[in-house]
PDB file of N, CA and C in Angstrom:
ATOM      1  N   MET A   1      -6.317   0.855  -1.154  1.00  0.00           N
ATOM      2  CA  MET A   1      -6.545  -0.522  -1.497  1.00  0.00           C
ATOM      3  C   MET A   1      -7.279  -1.295  -0.496  1.00  0.00           C
ATOM      4  N   ALA A   2      -8.057  -2.226  -1.947  1.00  0.00           N
ATOM      5  CA  ALA A   2      -8.722  -3.006  -0.867  1.00  0.00           C
ATOM      6  C   ALA A   2      -7.627  -4.548  -0.083  1.00  0.00           C
ATOM      7  N   LYS A   3      -8.496  -4.608   1.118  1.00  0.00           N
ATOM      8  CA  LYS A   3      -8.136  -5.776   1.623  1.00  0.00           C
ATOM      9  C   LYS A   3      -7.591  -6.838   0.835  1.00  0.00           C
ATOM     10  N   SER A   4      -8.304  -7.236  -0.287  1.00  0.00           N
ATOM     11  CA  SER A   4      -8.186  -8.471  -1.130  1.00  0.00           C
ATOM     12  C   SER A   4      -7.044  -8.801  -1.489  1.00  0.00           C
ATOM     13  N   ILE A   5      -6.578  -7.052  -2.121  1.00  0.00           N
ATOM     14  CA  ILE A   5      -5.456  -6.792  -3.047  1.00  0.00           C
ATOM     15  C   ILE A   5      -4.149  -6.410  -2.477  1.00  0.00           C
ATOM     16  N   SER A   6      -4.290  -6.289  -1.108  1.00  0.00           N
ATOM     17  CA  SER A   6      -3.109  -6.116   0.440  1.00  0.00           C
ATOM     18  C   SER A   6      -2.613  -7.425  -0.218  1.00  0.00           C
ATOM     19  N   ALA A   7      -3.836  -8.939   0.575  1.00  0.00           N
ATOM     20  CA  ALA A   7      -3.673 -10.168   0.618  1.00  0.00           C
ATOM     21  C   ALA A   7      -2.474 -10.533  -0.258  1.00  0.00           C
ATOM     22  N   VAL A   8      -3.407 -10.206  -1.630  1.00  0.00           N
ATOM     23  CA  VAL A   8      -2.726 -10.743  -2.566  1.00  0.00           C
ATOM     24  C   VAL A   8      -0.756 -10.532  -3.044  1.00  0.00           C
ATOM     25  N   ILE A   9      -0.684  -9.269  -2.885  1.00  0.00           N
ATOM     26  CA  ILE A   9       0.210  -8.319  -2.800  1.00  0.00           C
ATOM     27  C   ILE A   9       1.196  -8.969  -1.927  1.00  0.00           C
ATOM     28  N   ALA A  10       0.360  -9.287  -0.603  1.00  0.00           N
ATOM     29  CA  ALA A  10       1.554 -10.116   0.733  1.00  0.00           C
ATOM     30  C   ALA A  10       1.698 -11.268   0.214  1.00  0.00           C
ATOM     31  N   MET A  11       1.036 -12.060  -0.832  1.00  0.00           N
ATOM     32  CA  MET A  11       1.648 -13.049  -1.032  1.00  0.00           C
ATOM     33  C   MET A  11       2.598 -13.331  -2.207  1.00  0.00           C
ATOM     34  N   ILE A  12       3.133 -12.150  -2.985  1.00  0.00           N
ATOM     35  CA  ILE A  12       3.551 -11.754  -4.456  1.00  0.00           C
ATOM     36  C   ILE A  12       4.817 -11.246  -3.643  1.00  0.00           C
ATOM     37  N   THR A  13       4.891 -10.437  -3.067  1.00  0.00           N
ATOM     38  CA  THR A  13       6.823  -9.679  -2.576  1.00  0.00           C
ATOM     39  C   THR A  13       7.282 -10.357  -2.094  1.00  0.00           C
ATOM     40  N   PRO A  14       7.221 -11.642  -1.506  1.00  0.00           N
ATOM     41  CA  PRO A  14       8.418 -12.271  -0.765  1.00  0.00           C
ATOM     42  C   PRO A  14       9.097 -12.972  -2.201  1.00  0.00           C
ATOM     43  N   GLY A  15       8.432 -13.405  -3.246  1.00  0.00           N
ATOM     44  CA  GLY A  15       9.261 -14.339  -3.911  1.00  0.00           C
ATOM     45  C   GLY A  15       9.771 -13.007  -4.960  1.00  0.00           C
ATOM     46  N   ILE A  16       9.364 -11.983  -5.031  1.00  0.00           N
ATOM     47  CA  ILE A  16       9.804 -10.823  -5.720  1.00  0.00           C
ATOM     48  C   ILE A  16      11.056 -10.866  -5.080  1.00  0.00           C
ATOM     49  N   ILE A  17      10.987  -9.908  -3.320  1.00  0.00           N
ATOM     50  CA  ILE A  17      12.646  -9.932  -2.606  1.00  0.00           C
ATOM     51  C   ILE A  17      13.229 -11.204  -2.741  1.00  0.00           C
ATOM     52  N   ASP A  18      13.003 -12.098  -3.112  1.00  0.00           N
ATOM     53  CA  ASP A  18      13.871 -13.528  -2.630  1.00  0.00           C
ATOM     54  C   ASP A  18      14.606 -13.507  -4.118  1.00  0.00           C
ATOM     55  N   LEU A  19      14.081 -13.355  -5.309  1.00  0.00           N
ATOM     56  CA  LEU A  19      14.915 -13.510  -6.400  1.00  0.00           C
ATOM     57  C   LEU A  19      15.626 -11.748  -6.638  1.00  0.00           C
ATOM     58  N   LEU A  20      15.391 -10.828  -6.084  1.00  0.00           N
ATOM     59  CA  LEU A  20      16.066  -9.910  -6.090  1.00  0.00           C
ATOM     60  C   LEU A  20      17.393 -10.407  -5.120  1.00  0.00           C
ATOM     61  N   MET A  21      17.490 -10.615  -4.129  1.00  0.00           N
ATOM     62  CA  MET A  21      18.609 -11.066  -3.248  1.00  0.00           C
ATOM     63  C   MET A  21      19.754 -12.446  -3.668  1.00  0.00           C
ATOM     64  N   LYS A  22      18.819 -13.239  -4.547  1.00  0.00           N
ATOM     65  CA  LYS A  22      19.202 -14.600  -5.292  1.00  0.00           C
ATOM     66  C   LYS A  22      20.412 -13.558  -6.259  1.00  0.00           C
ATOM     67  N   LYS A  23      19.615 -13.039  -7.199  1.00  0.00           N
ATOM     68  CA  LYS A  23      20.052 -12.986  -8.277  1.00  0.00           C
ATOM     69  C   LYS A  23      20.890 -11.690  -8.121  1.00  0.00           C
ATOM     70  N   ARG A  24      20.248 -10.308  -7.548  1.00  0.00           N
ATOM     71  CA  ARG A  24      21.476  -9.316  -7.496  1.00  0.00           C
ATOM     72  C   ARG A  24      22.144  -9.278  -5.972  1.00  0.00           C
ATOM     73  N   GLY A  25      22.058 -10.439  -4.904  1.00  0.00           N
ATOM     74  CA  GLY A  25      22.882 -10.155  -4.337  1.00  0.00           C
ATOM     75  C   GLY A  25      22.197  -9.250  -3.156  1.00  0.00           C
ATOM     76  N   PHE A  26      21.732  -8.558  -3.136  1.00  0.00           N
ATOM     77  CA  PHE A  26      20.774  -7.969  -2.187  1.00  0.00           C
ATOM     78  C   PHE A  26      20.561  -8.264  -1.032  1.00  0.00           C
ATOM     79  N   ASN A  27      20.648  -7.955   0.292  1.00  0.00           N
ATOM     80  CA  ASN A  27      20.176  -8.453   1.745  1.00  0.00           C
ATOM     81  C   ASN A  27      18.933  -8.138   1.440  1.00  0.00           C
ATOM     82  N   LEU A  28      18.099  -8.388   2.879  1.00  0.00           N
ATOM     83  CA  LEU A  28      16.637  -8.155   2.788  1.00  0.00           C
ATOM     84  C   LEU A  28      16.138  -7.263   3.300  1.00  0.00           C
ATOM     85  N   ALA A  29      16.744  -6.290   3.218  1.00  0.00           N
ATOM     86  CA  ALA A  29      16.124  -5.232   3.619  1.00  0.00           C
ATOM     87  C   ALA A  29      16.399  -4.091   2.630  1.00  0.00           C
ATOM     88  N   ASP A  30      17.625  -4.023   2.025  1.00  0.00           N
ATOM     89  CA  ASP A  30      17.854  -3.479   0.639  1.00  0.00           C
ATOM     90  C   ASP A  30      16.666  -4.387  -0.489  1.00  0.00           C
ATOM     91  N   ALA A  31      16.846  -5.298  -0.602  1.00  0.00           N
ATOM     92  CA  ALA A  31      15.872  -5.728  -1.942  1.00  0.00           C
ATOM     93  C   ALA A  31      14.286  -5.427  -1.421  1.00  0.00           C
ATOM     94  N   ALA A  32      13.906  -4.991   0.050  1.00  0.00           N
ATOM     95  CA  ALA A  32      12.507  -4.760   0.163  1.00  0.00           C
ATOM     96  C   ALA A  32      12.364  -3.186  -0.291  1.00  0.00           C
ATOM     97  N   GLY A  33      13.424  -2.702   0.005  1.00  0.00           N
ATOM     98  CA  GLY A  33      13.353  -1.080  -0.242  1.00  0.00           C
ATOM     99  C   GLY A  33      13.355  -0.847  -1.461  1.00  0.00           C
ATOM    100  N   ILE A  34      13.842  -1.681  -2.211  1.00  0.00           N
ATOM    101  CA  ILE A  34      14.130  -1.433  -3.830  1.00  0.00           C
ATOM    102  C   ILE A  34      12.312  -1.378  -4.957  1.00  0.00           C
ATOM    103  N   LEU A  35      12.087  -2.830  -4.112  1.00  0.00           N
ATOM    104  CA  LEU A  35      10.636  -3.126  -4.817  1.00  0.00           C
ATOM    105  C   LEU A  35       9.823  -2.206  -3.828  1.00  0.00           C
ATOM    106  N   TYR A  36       9.872  -1.983  -2.397  1.00  0.00           N
ATOM    107  CA  TYR A  36       8.817  -0.778  -2.278  1.00  0.00           C
ATOM    108  C   TYR A  36       8.919   0.357  -2.856  1.00  0.00           C
ATOM    109  N   ASN A  37      10.128   0.969  -3.344  1.00  0.00           N
ATOM    110  CA  ASN A  37       9.988   2.244  -3.365  1.00  0.00           C
ATOM    111  C   ASN A  37       9.961   2.071  -5.194  1.00  0.00           C
ATOM    112  N   SER A  38       9.855   1.229  -5.535  1.00  0.00           N
ATOM    113  CA  SER A  38       9.847   1.231  -7.171  1.00  0.00           C
ATOM    114  C   SER A  38       8.223   1.382  -7.794  1.00  0.00           C
ATOM    115  N   ARG A  39       8.789   1.892  -8.463  1.00  0.00           N
ATOM    116  CA  ARG A  39       7.459   2.372 -10.208  1.00  0.00           C
ATOM    117  C   ARG A  39       6.349   0.663  -9.888  1.00  0.00           C
ATOM    118  N   LEU A  40       6.921  -0.181 -10.187  1.00  0.00           N
ATOM    119  CA  LEU A  40       6.588  -1.180 -10.462  1.00  0.00           C
ATOM    120  C   LEU A  40       5.600  -1.663  -9.324  1.00  0.00           C
ATOM    121  N   TYR A  41       5.967  -1.341  -7.965  1.00  0.00           N
ATOM    122  CA  TYR A  41       4.825  -1.574  -6.564  1.00  0.00           C
ATOM    123  C   TYR A  41       4.152  -0.527  -6.682  1.00  0.00           C
ATOM    124  N   LYS A  42       4.338   1.015  -7.313  1.00  0.00           N
ATOM    125  CA  LYS A  42       2.976   1.614  -6.903  1.00  0.00           C
ATOM    126  C   LYS A  42       2.052   0.790  -7.788  1.00  0.00           C
ATOM    127  N   VAL A  43       2.197   0.381  -9.132  1.00  0.00           N
ATOM    128  CA  VAL A  43       1.354   0.269 -10.106  1.00  0.00           C
ATOM    129  C   VAL A  43       0.935  -1.221  -9.707  1.00  0.00           C
ATOM    130  N   LEU A  44       0.948  -2.442  -8.837  1.00  0.00           N
ATOM    131  CA  LEU A  44       1.011  -3.053  -8.113  1.00  0.00           C
ATOM    132  C   LEU A  44      -0.076  -3.151  -7.461  1.00  0.00           C
ATOM    133  N   GLU A  45       0.137  -1.985  -6.518  1.00  0.00           N
ATOM    134  CA  GLU A  45      -0.791  -1.590  -5.797  1.00  0.00           C
ATOM    135  C   GLU A  45      -2.183  -0.911  -5.830  1.00  0.00           C
ATOM    136  N   ASP A  46      -2.240  -0.403  -7.389  1.00  0.00           N
ATOM    137  CA  ASP A  46      -3.352  -0.338  -8.035  1.00  0.00           C
ATOM    138  C   ASP A  46      -4.053  -1.080  -8.846  1.00  0.00           C
ATOM    139  N   GLU A  47      -5.294  -1.456  -7.806  1.00  0.00           N
ATOM    140  CA  GLU A  47      -6.040  -2.631  -7.783  1.00  0.00           C
ATOM    141  C   GLU A  47      -6.863  -2.513 -10.009  1.00  0.00           C
ATOM    142  N   GLU A  48      -6.645  -1.378 -10.269  1.00  0.00           N
ATOM    143  CA  GLU A  48      -7.236  -1.476 -11.228  1.00  0.00           C
ATOM    144  C   GLU A  48      -6.402  -1.730 -12.637  1.00  0.00           C
ATOM    145  N   THR A  49      -5.081  -1.946 -12.304  1.00  0.00           N
ATOM    146  CA  THR A  49      -4.043  -2.314 -13.473  1.00  0.00           C
ATOM    147  C   THR A  49      -3.809  -3.704 -13.691  1.00  0.00           C
ATOM    148  N   LYS A  50      -4.933  -4.581 -12.675  1.00  0.00           N
ATOM    149  CA  LYS A  50      -4.486  -5.786 -12.500  1.00  0.00           C
ATOM    150  C   LYS A  50      -3.088  -6.632 -12.841  1.00  0.00           C
ATOM    151  N   VAL A  51      -2.474  -6.008 -12.076  1.00  0.00           N
ATOM    152  CA  VAL A  51      -0.887  -6.111 -12.164  1.00  0.00           C
ATOM    153  C   VAL A  51      -0.678  -7.430 -11.180  1.00  0.00           C
ATOM    154  N   TRP A  52      -1.444  -7.146 -10.191  1.00  0.00           N
ATOM    155  CA  TRP A  52      -1.070  -7.780  -9.082  1.00  0.00           C
ATOM    156  C   TRP A  52      -1.571  -9.783  -9.679  1.00  0.00           C
ATOM    157  N   ARG A  53      -2.081 -10.008 -10.499  1.00  0.00           N
ATOM    158  CA  ARG A  53      -2.084 -11.127 -11.214  1.00  0.00           C
ATOM    159  C   ARG A  53      -1.632 -12.128 -12.035  1.00  0.00           C
ATOM    160  N   LEU A  54      -0.260 -11.310 -12.321  1.00  0.00           N
ATOM    161  CA  LEU A  54       1.094 -11.535 -12.988  1.00  0.00           C
ATOM    162  C   LEU A  54       2.092 -12.631 -11.435  1.00  0.00           C
ATOM    163  N   GLY A  55       2.533 -13.370 -12.042  1.00  0.00           N
ATOM    164  CA  GLY A  55       3.117 -14.574 -11.013  1.00  0.00           C
ATOM    165  C   GLY A  55       4.437 -13.620 -10.949  1.00  0.00           C
ATOM    166  N   TYR A  56       5.278 -13.681  -9.737  1.00  0.00           N
ATOM    167  CA  TYR A  56       5.584 -13.152  -9.223  1.00  0.00           C
ATOM    168  C   TYR A  56       7.152 -13.030 -10.296  1.00  0.00           C
ATOM    169  N   PRO A  57       7.473 -13.882 -10.511  1.00  0.00           N
ATOM    170  CA  PRO A  57       8.846 -14.063 -11.656  1.00  0.00           C
ATOM    171  C   PRO A  57       8.975 -12.764 -12.395  1.00  0.00           C
ATOM    172  N   LEU A  58       7.319 -13.008 -13.228  1.00  0.00           N
ATOM    173  CA  LEU A  58       7.181 -11.775 -14.252  1.00  0.00           C
ATOM    174  C   LEU A  58       7.195 -10.693 -13.642  1.00  0.00           C
ATOM    175  N   LEU A  59       6.566 -10.818 -12.935  1.00  0.00           N
ATOM    176  CA  LEU A  59       7.122  -9.161 -12.119  1.00  0.00           C
ATOM    177  C   LEU A  59       8.603  -8.948 -11.397  1.00  0.00           C
ATOM    178  N   TYR A  60       8.955  -9.839 -11.490  1.00  0.00           N
ATOM    179  CA  TYR A  60      10.669  -9.730 -11.142  1.00  0.00           C
ATOM    180  C   TYR A  60      11.049  -9.291 -12.319  1.00  0.00           C
ATOM    181  N   ASP A  61      10.655  -9.857 -13.548  1.00  0.00           N
ATOM    182  CA  ASP A  61      11.555  -9.606 -14.817  1.00  0.00           C
ATOM    183  C   ASP A  61      11.129  -8.150 -15.235  1.00  0.00           C
ATOM    184  N   MET A  62       9.820  -7.828 -14.891  1.00  0.00           N
ATOM    185  CA  MET A  62       9.336  -6.042 -15.120  1.00  0.00           C
ATOM    186  C   MET A  62      10.230  -5.310 -14.269  1.00  0.00           C
ATOM    187  N   LEU A  63      10.406  -6.075 -12.876  1.00  0.00           N
ATOM    188  CA  LEU A  63      11.292  -4.804 -12.142  1.00  0.00           C
ATOM    189  C   LEU A  63      12.594  -5.024 -12.350  1.00  0.00           C
ATOM    190  N   GLU A  64      13.282  -5.673 -12.817  1.00  0.00           N
ATOM    191  CA  GLU A  64      14.389  -5.893 -13.787  1.00  0.00           C
ATOM    192  C   GLU A  64      14.811  -4.682 -14.855  1.00  0.00           C
ATOM    193  N   GLU A  65      13.905  -4.776 -15.271  1.00  0.00           N
ATOM    194  CA  GLU A  65      13.424  -3.881 -16.725  1.00  0.00           C
ATOM    195  C   GLU A  65      13.329  -2.552 -16.165  1.00  0.00           C
ATOM    196  N   GLU A  66      13.071  -2.131 -14.755  1.00  0.00           N
ATOM    197  CA  GLU A  66      12.952  -0.449 -14.322  1.00  0.00           C
ATOM    198  C   GLU A  66      14.136  -0.305 -14.054  1.00  0.00           C
ATOM    199  N   LEU A  67      15.066  -1.668 -13.279  1.00  0.00           N
ATOM    200  CA  LEU A  67      15.982  -0.711 -12.474  1.00  0.00           C
ATOM    201  C   LEU A  67      17.150  -1.211 -13.682  1.00  0.00           C
ATOM    202  N   THR A  68      16.966  -1.829 -15.106  1.00  0.00           N
ATOM    203  CA  THR A  68      18.337  -1.538 -15.666  1.00  0.00           C
ATOM    204  C   THR A  68      18.134  -0.105 -16.758  1.00  0.00           C
ATOM    205  N   THR A  69      16.982  -0.176 -16.665  1.00  0.00           N
ATOM    206  CA  THR A  69      16.530   0.926 -17.952  1.00  0.00           C
ATOM    207  C   THR A  69      15.634   2.094 -17.463  1.00  0.00           C
ATOM    208  N   GLY A  70      15.024   1.905 -16.355  1.00  0.00           N
ATOM    209  CA  GLY A  70      14.297   3.216 -15.980  1.00  0.00           C
ATOM    210  C   GLY A  70      12.698   2.913 -16.668  1.00  0.00           C
ATOM    211  N   GLN A  71      12.360   2.184 -17.382  1.00  0.00           N
ATOM    212  CA  GLN A  71      10.922   1.446 -17.732  1.00  0.00           C
ATOM    213  C   GLN A  71      10.440   0.223 -17.353  1.00  0.00           C
ATOM    214  N   ILE A  72       9.217   0.206 -17.830  1.00  0.00           N
ATOM    215  CA  ILE A  72       8.533  -1.021 -17.311  1.00  0.00           C
ATOM    216  C   ILE A  72       7.790  -1.336 -18.381  1.00  0.00           C
ATOM    217  N   THR A  73       7.852  -2.744 -19.566  1.00  0.00           N
ATOM    218  CA  THR A  73       7.316  -3.285 -20.580  1.00  0.00           C
ATOM    219  C   THR A  73       5.820  -3.646 -19.819  1.00  0.00           C
ATOM    220  N   PHE A  74       4.668  -3.458 -19.736  1.00  0.00           N
ATOM    221  CA  PHE A  74       3.842  -4.526 -19.301  1.00  0.00           C
ATOM    222  C   PHE A  74       3.074  -5.326 -20.614  1.00  0.00           C
ATOM    223  N   PRO A  75       2.921  -6.367 -19.956  1.00  0.00           N
ATOM    224  CA  PRO A  75       2.158  -7.635 -21.047  1.00  0.00           C
ATOM    225  C   PRO A  75       0.953  -7.286 -21.833  1.00  0.00           C
ATOM    226  N   GLU A  76       0.692  -7.139 -22.711  1.00  0.00           N
ATOM    227  CA  GLU A  76      -0.564  -6.117 -23.676  1.00  0.00           C
ATOM    228  C   GLU A  76      -2.066  -6.774 -22.784  1.00  0.00           C
ATOM    229  N   GLU A  77      -2.100  -7.613 -22.243  1.00  0.00           N
ATOM    230  CA  GLU A  77      -3.167  -8.375 -21.624  1.00  0.00           C
ATOM    231  C   GLU A  77      -3.703  -7.158 -20.761  1.00  0.00           C
ATOM    232  N   GLN A  78      -2.365  -6.401 -19.890  1.00  0.00           N
ATOM    233  CA  GLN A  78      -2.626  -5.644 -19.193  1.00  0.00           C
ATOM    234  C   GLN A  78      -2.826  -4.167 -19.378  1.00  0.00           C
ATOM    235  N   ILE A  79      -2.651  -4.184 -20.319  1.00  0.00           N
ATOM    236  CA  ILE A  79      -2.840  -2.179 -20.971  1.00  0.00           C
ATOM    237  C   ILE A  79      -4.073  -2.494 -21.348  1.00  0.00           C
TER     238      ILE A  79
END
């Protein structure tokens, strides 16, 4: 993973973790673990997917979908 992508991801992940804590009631460690072990995070780390360009609210919605259904729906522009 390129350094620039790592920096972007480092800026995005706190927002997603914060939403997990607020909306799902997880503590910091659990919320971080859920995100970092998700399929979404693996896709986010892949620079070629460009998913890192999406804002954290949309990424959170995608993570919610993954947690609820096991699936992730990517915006059409990302496919």
